[in-house]
Amino acid sequence: MTEPADMTPVTRGELRAELADLELRLEQKLEQKLEQKLEQKLEQKLEQKLDQKLDQKLELWTGALLARIDARFTAFDLKFTTMIAGTEQRLLHELAHHTRSIESVLAGQIATVDDKYTDLPQQITSLETEHSDLHARVVRLEGVVFPPAPARKRTRRRG
């Protein structure tokens, strides 16, 4: 065994004082270490609790936000659908109005054309009775205006 360098005799009082001092320093060190460990554990637990609370609040907040967005989207969808239906009805009404206008104009134009030819059958009948040779004249005129096509010569193919 190695002996300490200071070998002076000590009294019991000095020994007790030194032991008390050592005990005090040991208690302080132990207390300091315990405080550090306790502080670390408390910080960890506090951080976990805060994280949990934050997660809960975040979930609650995002849920509420999602519900508001969904409600607004539903309201917008309803307004948009109503607006589209109203626009469709207005367009159909306007289209029907234009169609009736066009129909009226066309009916007038057709009536004008029909009026020109209402007495046509009577005119044809009177022409036919007044001019009995009319059919022969028409056939002769067609022969002059539309002469018959010349006959084609047949040629043989050389193979």
Protein backbone atom coordinates (compact mmCIF):
# COMPACT_ATOMS: atom_id res chain seq x y z
CA MET A 1 0.00 0.00 0.00
CA THR A 2 1.07 3.53 -0.71
CA GLU A 3 1.11 5.96 2.11
CA PRO A 4 -0.14 9.51 1.87
CA ALA A 5 2.53 12.20 1.76
CA ASP A 6 1.13 14.14 4.73
CA MET A 7 1.61 11.93 7.77
CA THR A 8 1.06 14.44 10.52
CA PRO A 9 -1.15 13.30 13.35
CA VAL A 10 -4.67 14.72 13.47
CA THR A 11 -6.97 15.21 16.37
CA ARG A 12 -10.44 13.83 16.49
CA GLY A 13 -11.95 17.27 16.22
CA GLU A 14 -9.96 18.01 13.08
CA LEU A 15 -10.99 14.64 11.68
CA ARG A 16 -14.63 15.31 12.48
CA ALA A 17 -14.40 18.75 10.90
CA GLU A 18 -12.77 17.31 7.80
CA LEU A 19 -15.39 14.54 7.61
CA ALA A 20 -18.20 17.06 8.06
CA ASP A 21 -16.67 19.19 5.30
CA LEU A 22 -16.34 16.11 3.08
CA GLU A 23 -19.92 15.11 3.87
CA LEU A 24 -21.12 18.64 3.01
CA ARG A 25 -19.24 18.64 -0.31
CA LEU A 26 -20.54 15.14 -1.09
CA GLU A 27 -24.10 16.21 -0.31
CA GLN A 28 -23.71 19.30 -2.50
CA LYS A 29 -22.36 17.25 -5.38
CA LEU A 30 -25.07 14.65 -4.96
CA GLU A 31 -27.72 17.34 -4.72
CA GLN A 32 -26.34 19.03 -7.82
CA LYS A 33 -26.37 15.77 -9.79
CA LEU A 34 -29.89 14.96 -8.61
CA GLU A 35 -31.05 18.44 -9.58
CA GLN A 36 -29.53 18.05 -13.04
CA LYS A 37 -31.16 14.65 -13.57
CA LEU A 38 -34.47 15.88 -12.20
CA GLU A 39 -34.30 18.97 -14.41
CA GLN A 40 -33.56 16.82 -17.47
CA LYS A 41 -36.46 14.49 -16.70
CA LEU A 42 -38.79 17.41 -16.07
CA GLU A 43 -37.71 19.05 -19.34
CA GLN A 44 -38.31 15.80 -21.24
CA LYS A 45 -41.75 15.32 -19.66
CA LEU A 46 -42.65 18.95 -20.23
CA GLU A 47 -41.53 18.73 -23.85
CA GLN A 48 -43.58 15.55 -24.35
CA LYS A 49 -46.64 17.16 -22.77
CA LEU A 50 -46.19 20.28 -24.89
CA ASP A 51 -45.80 18.17 -28.03
CA GLN A 52 -48.96 16.24 -27.17
CA LYS A 53 -50.88 19.44 -26.44
CA LEU A 54 -49.57 21.02 -29.64
CA ASP A 55 -50.54 17.95 -31.67
CA GLN A 56 -54.02 17.95 -30.13
CA LYS A 57 -54.52 21.66 -30.75
CA LEU A 58 -53.14 21.34 -34.27
CA GLU A 59 -55.51 18.46 -35.03
CA LEU A 60 -58.41 20.44 -33.57
CA TRP A 61 -57.45 23.55 -35.53
CA THR A 62 -56.97 21.71 -38.83
CA GLY A 63 -60.26 19.88 -38.30
CA ALA A 64 -62.06 23.17 -37.76
CA LEU A 65 -60.32 24.72 -40.76
CA LEU A 66 -61.23 21.75 -42.93
CA ALA A 67 -64.85 21.99 -41.77
CA ARG A 68 -64.94 25.71 -42.67
CA ILE A 69 -63.37 25.06 -46.07
CA ASP A 70 -65.84 22.25 -46.70
CA ALA A 71 -68.78 24.46 -45.69
CA ARG A 72 -67.61 27.28 -47.94
CA PHE A 73 -67.00 24.89 -50.83
CA THR A 74 -70.49 23.45 -50.40
CA ALA A 75 -71.99 26.96 -50.36
CA PHE A 76 -69.95 27.93 -53.43
CA ASP A 77 -71.00 24.75 -55.22
CA LEU A 78 -74.66 25.47 -54.45
CA LYS A 79 -74.38 29.08 -55.65
CA PHE A 80 -72.48 28.03 -58.77
CA THR A 81 -75.01 25.30 -59.60
CA THR A 82 -77.88 27.74 -59.11
CA MET A 83 -76.13 30.35 -61.24
CA ILE A 84 -75.48 27.82 -64.03
CA ALA A 85 -79.11 26.65 -63.94
CA GLY A 86 -80.34 30.27 -64.14
CA THR A 87 -77.98 31.01 -67.02
CA GLU A 88 -79.12 27.87 -68.81
CA GLN A 89 -82.76 28.88 -68.40
CA ARG A 90 -82.07 32.39 -69.71
CA LEU A 91 -80.16 31.01 -72.70
CA LEU A 92 -82.94 28.54 -73.50
CA HIS A 93 -85.53 31.32 -73.28
CA GLU A 94 -83.46 33.57 -75.53
CA LEU A 95 -82.85 30.74 -78.00
CA ALA A 96 -86.58 30.00 -78.12
CA HIS A 97 -87.27 33.69 -78.76
CA HIS A 98 -84.76 33.81 -81.63
CA THR A 99 -86.11 30.56 -83.06
CA ARG A 100 -89.66 31.95 -83.08
CA SER A 101 -88.40 35.14 -84.76
CA ILE A 102 -86.58 33.18 -87.46
CA GLU A 103 -89.63 30.96 -87.95
CA SER A 104 -91.84 34.02 -88.41
CA VAL A 105 -89.49 35.59 -90.97
CA LEU A 106 -89.12 32.32 -92.89
CA ALA A 107 -92.90 31.78 -92.90
CA GLY A 108 -93.32 35.22 -94.45
CA GLN A 109 -90.71 34.51 -97.11
CA ILE A 110 -92.21 31.12 -97.94
CA ALA A 111 -95.69 32.66 -98.16
CA THR A 112 -94.33 35.23 -100.63
CA VAL A 113 -92.86 32.48 -102.82
CA ASP A 114 -96.03 30.38 -102.53
CA ASP A 115 -98.18 33.36 -103.53
CA LYS A 116 -96.24 33.70 -106.79
CA TYR A 117 -97.12 30.13 -107.80
CA THR A 118 -100.69 29.68 -106.53
CA ASP A 119 -102.24 30.12 -109.94
CA LEU A 120 -99.52 28.14 -111.78
CA PRO A 121 -101.64 24.99 -112.31
CA GLN A 122 -104.40 27.10 -113.89
CA GLN A 123 -101.90 28.85 -116.15
CA ILE A 124 -100.44 25.50 -117.31
CA THR A 125 -103.90 24.12 -118.02
CA SER A 126 -104.87 27.20 -120.02
CA LEU A 127 -101.60 27.02 -121.99
CA GLU A 128 -102.15 23.37 -122.77
CA THR A 129 -105.70 23.98 -123.98
CA GLU A 130 -104.85 27.06 -126.03
CA HIS A 131 -101.80 25.44 -127.64
CA SER A 132 -102.54 21.81 -128.41
CA ASP A 133 -99.23 21.39 -130.24
CA LEU A 134 -97.29 22.54 -127.16
CA HIS A 135 -95.98 19.07 -126.33
CA ALA A 136 -94.56 18.53 -129.82
CA ARG A 137 -92.91 21.95 -129.76
CA VAL A 138 -91.27 21.21 -126.38
CA VAL A 139 -89.89 17.89 -127.66
CA ARG A 140 -88.50 19.55 -130.78
CA LEU A 141 -86.94 22.37 -128.68
CA GLU A 142 -85.33 19.86 -126.32
CA GLY A 143 -83.82 18.08 -129.32
CA VAL A 144 -82.17 21.32 -130.43
CA VAL A 145 -81.04 22.51 -127.00
CA PHE A 146 -79.96 19.10 -125.77
CA PRO A 147 -78.73 17.20 -128.84
CA PRO A 148 -78.28 13.44 -128.43
CA ALA A 149 -74.82 12.31 -127.47
CA PRO A 150 -72.74 10.95 -130.35
CA ALA A 151 -72.35 7.18 -130.41
CA ARG A 152 -68.97 5.91 -129.30
CA LYS A 153 -66.85 3.74 -131.47
CA ARG A 154 -65.78 0.50 -129.96
CA THR A 155 -62.10 -0.08 -129.93
CA ARG A 156 -60.36 -3.26 -129.17
CA ARG A 157 -57.74 -3.46 -126.61
CA ARG A 158 -54.50 -4.87 -127.60
CA GLY A 159 -53.16 -7.19 -125.06
